[in-house]
């Protein structure tokens, strides 16, 4: 748009002046009352362009006003001119600041022009630097977030587990405490204990699981006495104590008894709490055992002992090394049907 000639008669009264800077696309409207003797109100500016240049003939291109309003118009004109000059200077400063960033990298030959679209939401703004990514990170893992699994046995020597390279069974009175001490020094202050029960103590009903002097109970007590600040988790299931290798009691026709197993799981959990466990962790996958264990703990006075439930445990081959570590794989018994797998109570890996 071009400015109106100063010699042309204005179409509106002297109460409105349309000021257009030469070569600028900004429109500034000064609005007042109908009578020039009333004076001018504070100017209202409407900027409608991304490029604003200070006007060189702002006063000359303004529509004439009455003699009484000349002083008000001059003041308003000066205010508008100052605003336009300030806006142009600010844009110049922004251009100066952005120039190094634009010159930082070279664009490969053949790069197409940017796609002509207006993108207001740009999540990559928050990924520009490592500092920004650190600030906006929602998940942070620290040593204190981890739970160290430790396999224990009755001996004094560390016994390597062939299916778990670098992992060994620790002696309940020796290697166990050394392992916990090293982990604690690194900031890992939570452990979960898994006992390798001697074969001669295993039975089809797994009563050893709630023996107050059992391997698991002694391991819990040893850790809590040596390191009171370490949080001890335990495993609640019958398979380390069951001569048939299942998490529940096996009927002769191969059925895993659910409710009968829960009775012993409750006794096992209470026994572990008595030894000093902070959390019991049912991994058996019997229906209804979580509520039953909670009731048993509360009834025994262990309302502060927590339950870490395995929300999903699958009948998966990935448990193979774990069963090697505890020697708890399903076994064969004469005159007894023993399921070779745990599909009737653990979840199907095909589902989630």
C-alpha atoms as a PDB file:
ATOM      1  CA  UNK A   1       0.000   0.000   0.000  1.00  0.00           C
ATOM      2  CA  UNK A   2       1.174   3.545  -0.722  1.00  0.00           C
ATOM      3  CA  UNK A   3       0.542   6.602   1.507  1.00  0.00           C
ATOM      4  CA  UNK A   4      -2.309   8.961   0.647  1.00  0.00           C
ATOM      5  CA  UNK A   5      -1.156  12.301  -0.842  1.00  0.00           C
ATOM      6  CA  UNK A   6      -1.092  15.113   1.715  1.00  0.00           C
ATOM      7  CA  UNK A   7      -2.910  17.431  -0.731  1.00  0.00           C
ATOM      8  CA  UNK A   8      -5.919  15.161  -1.072  1.00  0.00           C
ATOM      9  CA  UNK A   9      -8.900  15.953   1.115  1.00  0.00           C
ATOM     10  CA  UNK A  10      -9.433  13.284   3.760  1.00  0.00           C
ATOM     11  CA  UNK A  11     -12.617  11.259   3.536  1.00  0.00           C
ATOM     12  CA  UNK A  12     -13.014  11.165   7.310  1.00  0.00           C
ATOM     13  CA  UNK A  13     -13.092  13.929   9.888  1.00  0.00           C
ATOM     14  CA  UNK A  14      -9.980  15.350  11.494  1.00  0.00           C
ATOM     15  CA  UNK A  15     -10.563  13.043  14.456  1.00  0.00           C
ATOM     16  CA  UNK A  16      -8.856  10.179  12.561  1.00  0.00           C
ATOM     17  CA  UNK A  17      -5.486  10.248  10.826  1.00  0.00           C
ATOM     18  CA  UNK A  18      -4.122   7.385   8.792  1.00  0.00           C
ATOM     19  CA  UNK A  19      -0.348   7.321   9.080  1.00  0.00           C
ATOM     20  CA  UNK A  20       1.575   5.174   6.639  1.00  0.00           C
ATOM     21  CA  UNK A  21       5.342   5.007   6.646  1.00  0.00           C
ATOM     22  CA  UNK A  22       6.883   5.193   3.195  1.00  0.00           C
ATOM     23  CA  UNK A  23       7.738   1.699   2.027  1.00  0.00           C
ATOM     24  CA  UNK A  24       6.336   0.128   5.223  1.00  0.00           C
ATOM     25  CA  UNK A  25       3.492  -2.327   5.475  1.00  0.00           C
ATOM     26  CA  UNK A  26       2.605  -1.468   9.058  1.00  0.00           C
ATOM     27  CA  UNK A  27      -0.662   0.260   9.686  1.00  0.00           C
ATOM     28  CA  UNK A  28      -0.982   2.579  12.689  1.00  0.00           C
ATOM     29  CA  UNK A  29      -4.390   4.057  13.466  1.00  0.00           C
ATOM     30  CA  UNK A  30      -4.773   7.051  15.710  1.00  0.00           C
ATOM     31  CA  UNK A  31      -8.336   7.276  16.878  1.00  0.00           C
ATOM     32  CA  UNK A  32      -9.989  10.113  18.770  1.00  0.00           C
ATOM     33  CA  UNK A  33     -13.348  11.674  19.375  1.00  0.00           C
ATOM     34  CA  UNK A  34     -15.324  13.499  16.660  1.00  0.00           C
ATOM     35  CA  UNK A  35     -14.561  16.963  17.954  1.00  0.00           C
ATOM     36  CA  UNK A  36     -10.924  18.060  17.635  1.00  0.00           C
ATOM     37  CA  UNK A  37     -11.407  20.404  20.599  1.00  0.00           C
ATOM     38  CA  UNK A  38     -11.758  17.317  22.775  1.00  0.00           C
ATOM     39  CA  UNK A  39      -8.118  16.366  22.050  1.00  0.00           C
ATOM     40  CA  UNK A  40      -6.633  12.919  21.201  1.00  0.00           C
ATOM     41  CA  UNK A  41      -6.856   9.807  23.222  1.00  0.00           C
ATOM     42  CA  UNK A  42      -3.817   7.468  23.662  1.00  0.00           C
ATOM     43  CA  UNK A  43      -2.960   6.033  20.250  1.00  0.00           C
ATOM     44  CA  UNK A  44      -3.786   2.424  19.450  1.00  0.00           C
ATOM     45  CA  UNK A  45      -1.292   0.622  17.197  1.00  0.00           C
ATOM     46  CA  UNK A  46      -2.045  -2.365  15.017  1.00  0.00           C
ATOM     47  CA  UNK A  47       1.015  -4.007  13.482  1.00  0.00           C
ATOM     48  CA  UNK A  48       0.163  -6.222  10.514  1.00  0.00           C
ATOM     49  CA  UNK A  49       3.534  -7.010   8.997  1.00  0.00           C
ATOM     50  CA  UNK A  50       6.672  -8.932   9.799  1.00  0.00           C
ATOM     51  CA  UNK A  51       8.886  -6.187   8.373  1.00  0.00           C
ATOM     52  CA  UNK A  52       8.587  -2.660   9.765  1.00  0.00           C
ATOM     53  CA  UNK A  53      10.783   0.240   8.577  1.00  0.00           C
ATOM     54  CA  UNK A  54      10.814   3.697  10.193  1.00  0.00           C
ATOM     55  CA  UNK A  55       8.979   6.218   8.043  1.00  0.00           C
ATOM     56  CA  UNK A  56      10.961   9.014   6.453  1.00  0.00           C
ATOM     57  CA  UNK A  57       7.881  11.138   5.576  1.00  0.00           C
ATOM     58  CA  UNK A  58       5.545  10.226   8.390  1.00  0.00           C
ATOM     59  CA  UNK A  59       4.489  13.745   9.248  1.00  0.00           C
ATOM     60  CA  UNK A  60       4.166  14.844   5.620  1.00  0.00           C
ATOM     61  CA  UNK A  61       1.917  11.941   4.714  1.00  0.00           C
ATOM     62  CA  UNK A  62      -0.486  12.447   7.597  1.00  0.00           C
ATOM     63  CA  UNK A  63      -3.953  13.804   6.940  1.00  0.00           C
ATOM     64  CA  UNK A  64      -4.361  17.456   8.077  1.00  0.00           C
ATOM     65  CA  UNK A  65      -5.975  18.132  11.408  1.00  0.00           C
ATOM     66  CA  UNK A  66      -7.482  21.211  13.045  1.00  0.00           C
ATOM     67  CA  UNK A  67      -5.338  23.877  14.640  1.00  0.00           C
ATOM     68  CA  UNK A  68      -6.475  22.926  18.133  1.00  0.00           C
ATOM     69  CA  UNK A  69      -5.555  19.272  17.550  1.00  0.00           C
ATOM     70  CA  UNK A  70      -2.220  19.990  15.894  1.00  0.00           C
ATOM     71  CA  UNK A  71      -0.218  19.655  19.110  1.00  0.00           C
ATOM     72  CA  UNK A  72      -1.956  16.377  20.003  1.00  0.00           C
ATOM     73  CA  UNK A  73      -1.397  14.996  16.536  1.00  0.00           C
ATOM     74  CA  UNK A  74       2.279  15.945  16.670  1.00  0.00           C
ATOM     75  CA  UNK A  75       2.702  14.132  19.978  1.00  0.00           C
ATOM     76  CA  UNK A  76       0.914  11.059  18.673  1.00  0.00           C
ATOM     77  CA  UNK A  77       3.002  11.116  15.502  1.00  0.00           C
ATOM     78  CA  UNK A  78       6.189  11.246  17.551  1.00  0.00           C
ATOM     79  CA  UNK A  79       5.036   8.345  19.686  1.00  0.00           C
ATOM     80  CA  UNK A  80       4.239   6.217  16.642  1.00  0.00           C
ATOM     81  CA  UNK A  81       7.550   7.112  14.993  1.00  0.00           C
ATOM     82  CA  UNK A  82       9.468   6.166  18.146  1.00  0.00           C
ATOM     83  CA  UNK A  83       7.600   2.870  18.325  1.00  0.00           C
ATOM     84  CA  UNK A  84       8.378   2.005  14.720  1.00  0.00           C
ATOM     85  CA  UNK A  85      12.051   2.898  15.136  1.00  0.00           C
ATOM     86  CA  UNK A  86      12.257   0.822  18.331  1.00  0.00           C
ATOM     87  CA  UNK A  87      10.569  -2.152  16.683  1.00  0.00           C
ATOM     88  CA  UNK A  88      12.927  -1.992  13.732  1.00  0.00           C
ATOM     89  CA  UNK A  89      15.937  -1.817  16.039  1.00  0.00           C
ATOM     90  CA  UNK A  90      14.693  -4.810  18.058  1.00  0.00           C
ATOM     91  CA  UNK A  91      14.287  -6.860  14.913  1.00  0.00           C
ATOM     92  CA  UNK A  92      17.770  -5.847  13.892  1.00  0.00           C
ATOM     93  CA  UNK A  93      19.152  -7.065  17.229  1.00  0.00           C
ATOM     94  CA  UNK A  94      17.339 -10.393  16.845  1.00  0.00           C
ATOM     95  CA  UNK A  95      18.808 -10.743  13.375  1.00  0.00           C
ATOM     96  CA  UNK A  96      22.285 -10.054  14.748  1.00  0.00           C
ATOM     97  CA  UNK A  97      21.832 -12.681  17.488  1.00  0.00           C
ATOM     98  CA  UNK A  98      20.518 -15.352  15.116  1.00  0.00           C
ATOM     99  CA  UNK A  99      23.200 -14.873  12.468  1.00  0.00           C
ATOM    100  CA  UNK A 100      25.899 -17.003  14.218  1.00  0.00           C
ATOM    101  CA  UNK A 101      23.454 -19.894  14.619  1.00  0.00           C
ATOM    102  CA  UNK A 102      22.547 -19.684  10.944  1.00  0.00           C
ATOM    103  CA  UNK A 103      26.211 -19.680   9.951  1.00  0.00           C
ATOM    104  CA  UNK A 104      27.157 -22.584  12.266  1.00  0.00           C
ATOM    105  CA  UNK A 105      26.615 -25.380   9.763  1.00  0.00           C
ATOM    106  CA  UNK A 106      26.743 -25.874   6.024  1.00  0.00           C
ATOM    107  CA  UNK A 107      23.826 -27.346   4.137  1.00  0.00           C
ATOM    108  CA  UNK A 108      24.743 -30.178   1.741  1.00  0.00           C
ATOM    109  CA  UNK A 109      24.382 -29.557  -1.950  1.00  0.00           C
ATOM    110  CA  UNK A 110      21.053 -30.785  -3.247  1.00  0.00           C
ATOM    111  CA  UNK A 111      19.166 -30.016  -0.037  1.00  0.00           C
ATOM    112  CA  UNK A 112      15.600 -29.003  -0.985  1.00  0.00           C
ATOM    113  CA  UNK A 113      14.010 -25.800   0.174  1.00  0.00           C
ATOM    114  CA  UNK A 114      12.137 -26.022   3.488  1.00  0.00           C
ATOM    115  CA  UNK A 115       8.629 -27.330   3.157  1.00  0.00           C
ATOM    116  CA  UNK A 116       6.235 -24.349   3.148  1.00  0.00           C
ATOM    117  CA  UNK A 117       4.348 -25.139   6.322  1.00  0.00           C
ATOM    118  CA  UNK A 118       3.783 -23.321   9.575  1.00  0.00           C
ATOM    119  CA  UNK A 119       5.023 -25.447  12.478  1.00  0.00           C
ATOM    120  CA  UNK A 120       4.098 -23.960  15.847  1.00  0.00           C
ATOM    121  CA  UNK A 121       4.784 -27.024  17.951  1.00  0.00           C
ATOM    122  CA  UNK A 122       8.371 -28.160  17.677  1.00  0.00           C
ATOM    123  CA  UNK A 123       9.217 -30.729  20.386  1.00  0.00           C
ATOM    124  CA  UNK A 124      12.794 -30.847  19.128  1.00  0.00           C
ATOM    125  CA  UNK A 125      13.359 -27.526  20.867  1.00  0.00           C
ATOM    126  CA  UNK A 126      13.642 -29.484  24.100  1.00  0.00           C
ATOM    127  CA  UNK A 127      16.162 -31.928  22.616  1.00  0.00           C
ATOM    128  CA  UNK A 128      18.725 -29.483  21.260  1.00  0.00           C
ATOM    129  CA  UNK A 129      21.397 -30.055  23.893  1.00  0.00           C
ATOM    130  CA  UNK A 130      22.361 -32.579  26.524  1.00  0.00           C
ATOM    131  CA  UNK A 131      21.644 -30.041  29.256  1.00  0.00           C
ATOM    132  CA  UNK A 132      18.126 -29.486  27.949  1.00  0.00           C
ATOM    133  CA  UNK A 133      17.522 -33.222  27.600  1.00  0.00           C
ATOM    134  CA  UNK A 134      18.738 -33.763  31.154  1.00  0.00           C
ATOM    135  CA  UNK A 135      16.385 -31.088  32.454  1.00  0.00           C
ATOM    136  CA  UNK A 136      13.324 -32.495  30.691  1.00  0.00           C
ATOM    137  CA  UNK A 137      14.124 -36.166  31.322  1.00  0.00           C
ATOM    138  CA  UNK A 138      11.210 -37.896  33.038  1.00  0.00           C
ATOM    139  CA  UNK A 139      13.022 -41.075  34.104  1.00  0.00           C
ATOM    140  CA  UNK A 140      16.341 -41.168  35.916  1.00  0.00           C
ATOM    141  CA  UNK A 141      17.970 -44.389  37.072  1.00  0.00           C
ATOM    142  CA  UNK A 142      20.303 -44.359  40.053  1.00  0.00           C
ATOM    143  CA  UNK A 143      22.002 -47.237  41.905  1.00  0.00           C
ATOM    144  CA  UNK A 144      19.367 -46.898  44.608  1.00  0.00           C
ATOM    145  CA  UNK A 145      16.677 -47.816  42.055  1.00  0.00           C
ATOM    146  CA  UNK A 146      18.065 -51.315  41.537  1.00  0.00           C
ATOM    147  CA  UNK A 147      17.485 -54.566  43.425  1.00  0.00           C
ATOM    148  CA  UNK A 148      20.395 -56.999  43.401  1.00  0.00           C
ATOM    149  CA  UNK A 149      19.396 -60.699  43.181  1.00  0.00           C
ATOM    150  CA  UNK A 150      21.649 -62.992  45.227  1.00  0.00           C
ATOM    151  CA  UNK A 151      21.596 -66.787  45.175  1.00  0.00           C
ATOM    152  CA  UNK A 152      22.678 -68.413  48.445  1.00  0.00           C
ATOM    153  CA  UNK A 153      23.604 -71.918  49.527  1.00  0.00           C
ATOM    154  CA  UNK A 154      24.708 -73.711  52.677  1.00  0.00           C
ATOM    155  CA  UNK A 155      28.436 -73.901  51.835  1.00  0.00           C
ATOM    156  CA  UNK A 156      31.186 -71.400  52.381  1.00  0.00           C
ATOM    157  CA  UNK A 157      32.619 -71.175  48.846  1.00  0.00           C
ATOM    158  CA  UNK A 158      31.198 -69.307  45.879  1.00  0.00           C
ATOM    159  CA  UNK A 159      29.855 -71.786  43.312  1.00  0.00           C
ATOM    160  CA  UNK A 160      29.625 -70.486  39.713  1.00  0.00           C
ATOM    161  CA  UNK A 161      26.307 -70.954  37.938  1.00  0.00           C
ATOM    162  CA  UNK A 162      27.107 -72.324  34.476  1.00  0.00           C
ATOM    163  CA  UNK A 163      24.007 -70.887  32.790  1.00  0.00           C
ATOM    164  CA  UNK A 164      24.665 -67.431  34.301  1.00  0.00           C
ATOM    165  CA  UNK A 165      28.223 -66.400  33.397  1.00  0.00           C
ATOM    166  CA  UNK A 166      29.741 -64.225  36.108  1.00  0.00           C
ATOM    167  CA  UNK A 167      27.114 -65.171  38.717  1.00  0.00           C
ATOM    168  CA  UNK A 168      27.718 -67.526  41.625  1.00  0.00           C
ATOM    169  CA  UNK A 169      25.841 -68.981  44.565  1.00  0.00           C
ATOM    170  CA  UNK A 170      27.098 -67.275  47.715  1.00  0.00           C
ATOM    171  CA  UNK A 171      27.713 -68.909  51.067  1.00  0.00           C
ATOM    172  CA  UNK A 172      24.980 -67.860  53.473  1.00  0.00           C
ATOM    173  CA  UNK A 173      27.520 -66.926  56.182  1.00  0.00           C
ATOM    174  CA  UNK A 174      30.380 -65.791  53.948  1.00  0.00           C
ATOM    175  CA  UNK A 175      30.015 -64.647  50.344  1.00  0.00           C
ATOM    176  CA  UNK A 176      26.505 -63.291  50.893  1.00  0.00           C
ATOM    177  CA  UNK A 177      27.651 -60.553  53.266  1.00  0.00           C
ATOM    178  CA  UNK A 178      30.621 -59.640  51.075  1.00  0.00           C
ATOM    179  CA  UNK A 179      28.336 -59.286  48.053  1.00  0.00           C
ATOM    180  CA  UNK A 180      25.899 -57.071  49.951  1.00  0.00           C
ATOM    181  CA  UNK A 181      28.745 -54.937  51.288  1.00  0.00           C
ATOM    182  CA  UNK A 182      30.144 -54.309  47.802  1.00  0.00           C
ATOM    183  CA  UNK A 183      26.722 -53.474  46.385  1.00  0.00           C
ATOM    184  CA  UNK A 184      25.960 -51.143  49.267  1.00  0.00           C
ATOM    185  CA  UNK A 185      29.208 -49.275  48.703  1.00  0.00           C
ATOM    186  CA  UNK A 186      28.085 -48.651  45.106  1.00  0.00           C
ATOM    187  CA  UNK A 187      24.711 -47.298  46.238  1.00  0.00           C
ATOM    188  CA  UNK A 188      22.652 -50.462  45.638  1.00  0.00           C
ATOM    189  CA  UNK A 189      20.862 -50.890  48.957  1.00  0.00           C
ATOM    190  CA  UNK A 190      18.163 -53.396  48.007  1.00  0.00           C
ATOM    191  CA  UNK A 191      18.658 -57.146  47.571  1.00  0.00           C
ATOM    192  CA  UNK A 192      16.382 -60.079  46.825  1.00  0.00           C
ATOM    193  CA  UNK A 193      17.446 -63.468  48.170  1.00  0.00           C
ATOM    194  CA  UNK A 194      16.986 -66.854  46.488  1.00  0.00           C
ATOM    195  CA  UNK A 195      17.974 -70.024  48.414  1.00  0.00           C
ATOM    196  CA  UNK A 196      19.339 -73.217  46.860  1.00  0.00           C
ATOM    197  CA  UNK A 197      17.765 -75.686  49.278  1.00  0.00           C
ATOM    198  CA  UNK A 198      19.700 -78.933  49.881  1.00  0.00           C
ATOM    199  CA  UNK A 199      18.036 -81.854  48.117  1.00  0.00           C
ATOM    200  CA  UNK A 200      17.615 -83.832  51.358  1.00  0.00           C
ATOM    201  CA  UNK A 201      15.375 -81.081  52.749  1.00  0.00           C
ATOM    202  CA  UNK A 202      12.989 -81.011  49.786  1.00  0.00           C
ATOM    203  CA  UNK A 203       9.574 -82.695  50.026  1.00  0.00           C
ATOM    204  CA  UNK A 204       6.428 -82.883  47.917  1.00  0.00           C
ATOM    205  CA  UNK A 205       4.699 -80.435  50.300  1.00  0.00           C
ATOM    206  CA  UNK A 206       7.720 -78.110  50.756  1.00  0.00           C
ATOM    207  CA  UNK A 207       7.428 -77.582  54.532  1.00  0.00           C
ATOM    208  CA  UNK A 208      11.041 -76.392  54.605  1.00  0.00           C
ATOM    209  CA  UNK A 209       9.852 -73.074  53.160  1.00  0.00           C
ATOM    210  CA  UNK A 210       8.626 -71.917  56.580  1.00  0.00           C
ATOM    211  CA  UNK A 211      11.380 -73.423  58.744  1.00  0.00           C
ATOM    212  CA  UNK A 212      12.510 -70.632  61.151  1.00  0.00           C
ATOM    213  CA  UNK A 213      16.082 -71.974  60.928  1.00  0.00           C
ATOM    214  CA  UNK A 214      15.925 -72.543  57.152  1.00  0.00           C
ATOM    215  CA  UNK A 215      18.432 -71.270  54.623  1.00  0.00           C
ATOM    216  CA  UNK A 216      16.268 -68.368  53.444  1.00  0.00           C
ATOM    217  CA  UNK A 217      15.452 -67.254  56.972  1.00  0.00           C
ATOM    218  CA  UNK A 218      19.116 -67.276  58.007  1.00  0.00           C
ATOM    219  CA  UNK A 219      20.132 -65.356  54.924  1.00  0.00           C
ATOM    220  CA  UNK A 220      17.559 -62.645  55.704  1.00  0.00           C
ATOM    221  CA  UNK A 221      18.694 -62.422  59.314  1.00  0.00           C
ATOM    222  CA  UNK A 222      22.383 -62.238  58.385  1.00  0.00           C
ATOM    223  CA  UNK A 223      21.879 -59.324  56.005  1.00  0.00           C
ATOM    224  CA  UNK A 224      19.643 -57.323  58.336  1.00  0.00           C
ATOM    225  CA  UNK A 225      22.018 -57.764  61.286  1.00  0.00           C
ATOM    226  CA  UNK A 226      25.088 -56.683  59.302  1.00  0.00           C
ATOM    227  CA  UNK A 227      23.409 -53.948  57.235  1.00  0.00           C
ATOM    228  CA  UNK A 228      20.220 -52.662  58.887  1.00  0.00           C
ATOM    229  CA  UNK A 229      19.727 -50.006  56.176  1.00  0.00           C
ATOM    230  CA  UNK A 230      19.670 -52.539  53.328  1.00  0.00           C
ATOM    231  CA  UNK A 231      16.160 -53.392  52.127  1.00  0.00           C
ATOM    232  CA  UNK A 232      15.651 -57.156  51.904  1.00  0.00           C
ATOM    233  CA  UNK A 233      13.183 -58.706  49.458  1.00  0.00           C
ATOM    234  CA  UNK A 234      12.380 -62.414  49.510  1.00  0.00           C
ATOM    235  CA  UNK A 235      10.922 -64.954  47.120  1.00  0.00           C
ATOM    236  CA  UNK A 236       7.612 -66.587  48.084  1.00  0.00           C
ATOM    237  CA  UNK A 237       7.042 -69.840  46.165  1.00  0.00           C
ATOM    238  CA  UNK A 238       7.348 -73.560  46.849  1.00  0.00           C
ATOM    239  CA  UNK A 239       9.589 -74.612  43.950  1.00  0.00           C
ATOM    240  CA  UNK A 240      12.968 -74.219  45.773  1.00  0.00           C
ATOM    241  CA  UNK A 241      11.644 -76.562  48.495  1.00  0.00           C
ATOM    242  CA  UNK A 242       9.427 -78.871  46.417  1.00  0.00           C
ATOM    243  CA  UNK A 243      10.964 -82.195  45.437  1.00  0.00           C
ATOM    244  CA  UNK A 244       8.808 -82.141  42.294  1.00  0.00           C
ATOM    245  CA  UNK A 245      10.063 -78.694  41.277  1.00  0.00           C
ATOM    246  CA  UNK A 246       6.732 -76.874  41.010  1.00  0.00           C
ATOM    247  CA  UNK A 247       5.612 -73.614  42.625  1.00  0.00           C
ATOM    248  CA  UNK A 248       2.631 -75.403  44.166  1.00  0.00           C
ATOM    249  CA  UNK A 249       1.748 -78.767  45.628  1.00  0.00           C
ATOM    250  CA  UNK A 250       1.316 -81.385  42.870  1.00  0.00           C
ATOM    251  CA  UNK A 251      -1.547 -83.875  42.970  1.00  0.00           C
ATOM    252  CA  UNK A 252      -0.876 -87.406  41.654  1.00  0.00           C
ATOM    253  CA  UNK A 253      -2.751 -86.710  38.415  1.00  0.00           C
ATOM    254  CA  UNK A 254      -0.584 -83.660  37.693  1.00  0.00           C
ATOM    255  CA  UNK A 255      -2.951 -80.941  38.948  1.00  0.00           C
ATOM    256  CA  UNK A 256      -1.248 -78.084  40.813  1.00  0.00           C
ATOM    257  CA  UNK A 257      -3.341 -77.458  43.930  1.00  0.00           C
ATOM    258  CA  UNK A 258      -4.166 -73.772  44.218  1.00  0.00           C
ATOM    259  CA  UNK A 259      -5.856 -73.137  47.574  1.00  0.00           C
ATOM    260  CA  UNK A 260      -3.851 -75.744  49.463  1.00  0.00           C
ATOM    261  CA  UNK A 261      -0.649 -74.169  48.172  1.00  0.00           C
ATOM    262  CA  UNK A 262      -1.766 -70.738  49.360  1.00  0.00           C
ATOM    263  CA  UNK A 263      -1.966 -72.026  52.939  1.00  0.00           C
ATOM    264  CA  UNK A 264       1.767 -72.782  52.881  1.00  0.00           C
ATOM    265  CA  UNK A 265       2.623 -69.599  50.984  1.00  0.00           C
ATOM    266  CA  UNK A 266       1.080 -67.613  53.810  1.00  0.00           C
ATOM    267  CA  UNK A 267       3.147 -69.490  56.399  1.00  0.00           C
ATOM    268  CA  UNK A 268       6.261 -68.937  54.300  1.00  0.00           C
ATOM    269  CA  UNK A 269       5.654 -65.179  54.053  1.00  0.00           C
ATOM    270  CA  UNK A 270       5.097 -64.831  57.799  1.00  0.00           C
ATOM    271  CA  UNK A 271       8.245 -66.854  58.512  1.00  0.00           C
ATOM    272  CA  UNK A 272      10.280 -64.545  56.266  1.00  0.00           C
ATOM    273  CA  UNK A 273       8.817 -61.467  57.944  1.00  0.00           C
ATOM    274  CA  UNK A 274       9.787 -62.888  61.337  1.00  0.00           C
ATOM    275  CA  UNK A 275      13.362 -63.242  60.069  1.00  0.00           C
ATOM    276  CA  UNK A 276      13.456 -59.549  59.157  1.00  0.00           C
ATOM    277  CA  UNK A 277      12.276 -59.291  55.544  1.00  0.00           C
ATOM    278  CA  UNK A 278      11.128 -55.846  54.436  1.00  0.00           C
ATOM    279  CA  UNK A 279       9.175 -57.091  51.410  1.00  0.00           C
ATOM    280  CA  UNK A 280       7.938 -60.539  50.435  1.00  0.00           C
ATOM    281  CA  UNK A 281       7.674 -61.295  46.722  1.00  0.00           C
ATOM    282  CA  UNK A 282       5.155 -63.974  45.675  1.00  0.00           C
ATOM    283  CA  UNK A 283       6.303 -65.504  42.392  1.00  0.00           C
ATOM    284  CA  UNK A 284       4.136 -68.647  42.478  1.00  0.00           C
ATOM    285  CA  UNK A 285       1.215 -67.381  40.352  1.00  0.00           C
ATOM    286  CA  UNK A 286      -1.508 -69.069  42.417  1.00  0.00           C
ATOM    287  CA  UNK A 287      -4.870 -67.334  42.144  1.00  0.00           C
ATOM    288  CA  UNK A 288      -5.766 -65.214  45.169  1.00  0.00           C
ATOM    289  CA  UNK A 289      -2.484 -65.504  47.027  1.00  0.00           C
ATOM    290  CA  UNK A 290      -1.754 -61.774  47.319  1.00  0.00           C
ATOM    291  CA  UNK A 291      -4.827 -60.997  49.404  1.00  0.00           C
ATOM    292  CA  UNK A 292      -4.324 -64.112  51.498  1.00  0.00           C
ATOM    293  CA  UNK A 293      -0.689 -63.231  52.215  1.00  0.00           C
ATOM    294  CA  UNK A 294      -1.631 -59.675  53.127  1.00  0.00           C
ATOM    295  CA  UNK A 295      -4.198 -60.936  55.607  1.00  0.00           C
ATOM    296  CA  UNK A 296      -1.719 -63.432  57.082  1.00  0.00           C
ATOM    297  CA  UNK A 297       0.974 -60.778  57.545  1.00  0.00           C
ATOM    298  CA  UNK A 298      -1.459 -58.354  59.166  1.00  0.00           C
ATOM    299  CA  UNK A 299      -2.843 -61.028  61.463  1.00  0.00           C
ATOM    300  CA  UNK A 300       0.701 -61.853  62.598  1.00  0.00           C
ATOM    301  CA  UNK A 301       1.424 -58.197  63.360  1.00  0.00           C
ATOM    302  CA  UNK A 302       3.552 -57.436  60.272  1.00  0.00           C
ATOM    303  CA  UNK A 303       1.483 -54.597  58.894  1.00  0.00           C
ATOM    304  CA  UNK A 304       4.643 -52.722  57.820  1.00  0.00           C
ATOM    305  CA  UNK A 305       6.014 -55.581  55.728  1.00  0.00           C
ATOM    306  CA  UNK A 306       5.274 -54.923  52.072  1.00  0.00           C
ATOM    307  CA  UNK A 307       4.390 -57.210  49.190  1.00  0.00           C
ATOM    308  CA  UNK A 308       6.194 -56.918  45.870  1.00  0.00           C
ATOM    309  CA  UNK A 309       3.980 -58.866  43.528  1.00  0.00           C
ATOM    310  CA  UNK A 310       5.087 -60.226  40.193  1.00  0.00           C
ATOM    311  CA  UNK A 311       2.320 -58.652  38.140  1.00  0.00           C
ATOM    312  CA  UNK A 312       3.048 -61.088  35.290  1.00  0.00           C
ATOM    313  CA  UNK A 313       5.125 -64.250  35.315  1.00  0.00           C
ATOM    314  CA  UNK A 314       5.248 -66.209  32.101  1.00  0.00           C
ATOM    315  CA  UNK A 315       5.791 -69.900  31.376  1.00  0.00           C
ATOM    316  CA  UNK A 316       8.931 -68.924  29.528  1.00  0.00           C
ATOM    317  CA  UNK A 317      12.202 -70.626  28.634  1.00  0.00           C
ATOM    318  CA  UNK A 318      13.933 -67.494  29.930  1.00  0.00           C
ATOM    319  CA  UNK A 319      13.513 -68.938  33.426  1.00  0.00           C
ATOM    320  CA  UNK A 320      15.800 -71.849  32.512  1.00  0.00           C
ATOM    321  CA  UNK A 321      18.996 -70.303  33.968  1.00  0.00           C
ATOM    322  CA  UNK A 322      17.114 -69.285  37.093  1.00  0.00           C
ATOM    323  CA  UNK A 323      15.950 -72.844  37.682  1.00  0.00           C
ATOM    324  CA  UNK A 324      19.524 -74.023  37.205  1.00  0.00           C
ATOM    325  CA  UNK A 325      20.627 -71.587  39.902  1.00  0.00           C
ATOM    326  CA  UNK A 326      18.108 -72.985  42.405  1.00  0.00           C
ATOM    327  CA  UNK A 327      17.974 -76.538  41.070  1.00  0.00           C
ATOM    328  CA  UNK A 328      14.187 -76.153  40.946  1.00  0.00           C
ATOM    329  CA  UNK A 329      13.168 -77.489  37.530  1.00  0.00           C
ATOM    330  CA  UNK A 330      10.180 -79.911  37.419  1.00  0.00           C
ATOM    331  CA  UNK A 331      11.306 -83.447  38.315  1.00  0.00           C
ATOM    332  CA  UNK A 332      10.139 -86.977  37.534  1.00  0.00           C
ATOM    333  CA  UNK A 333       8.534 -89.099  40.293  1.00  0.00           C
ATOM    334  CA  UNK A 334       7.510 -92.743  40.044  1.00  0.00           C
ATOM    335  CA  UNK A 335       3.739 -93.203  40.158  1.00  0.00           C
ATOM    336  CA  UNK A 336       3.185 -89.443  39.948  1.00  0.00           C
ATOM    337  CA  UNK A 337       2.208 -87.356  36.962  1.00  0.00           C
ATOM    338  CA  UNK A 338       4.437 -84.286  37.040  1.00  0.00           C
ATOM    339  CA  UNK A 339       3.787 -81.616  34.403  1.00  0.00           C
ATOM    340  CA  UNK A 340       7.047 -80.858  32.543  1.00  0.00           C
ATOM    341  CA  UNK A 341       6.179 -77.169  32.404  1.00  0.00           C
ATOM    342  CA  UNK A 342       4.293 -74.552  34.416  1.00  0.00           C
ATOM    343  CA  UNK A 343       1.737 -73.532  31.805  1.00  0.00           C
ATOM    344  CA  UNK A 344      -1.299 -74.308  33.992  1.00  0.00           C
ATOM    345  CA  UNK A 345      -0.522 -71.485  36.421  1.00  0.00           C
ATOM    346  CA  UNK A 346       2.012 -69.177  34.784  1.00  0.00           C
ATOM    347  CA  UNK A 347       0.880 -66.887  31.990  1.00  0.00           C
ATOM    348  CA  UNK A 348       1.021 -67.673  28.289  1.00  0.00           C
ATOM    349  CA  UNK A 349       3.883 -65.692  26.682  1.00  0.00           C
ATOM    350  CA  UNK A 350       1.615 -65.157  23.660  1.00  0.00           C
ATOM    351  CA  UNK A 351      -0.606 -62.952  25.821  1.00  0.00           C
ATOM    352  CA  UNK A 352       0.139 -59.821  27.783  1.00  0.00           C
END
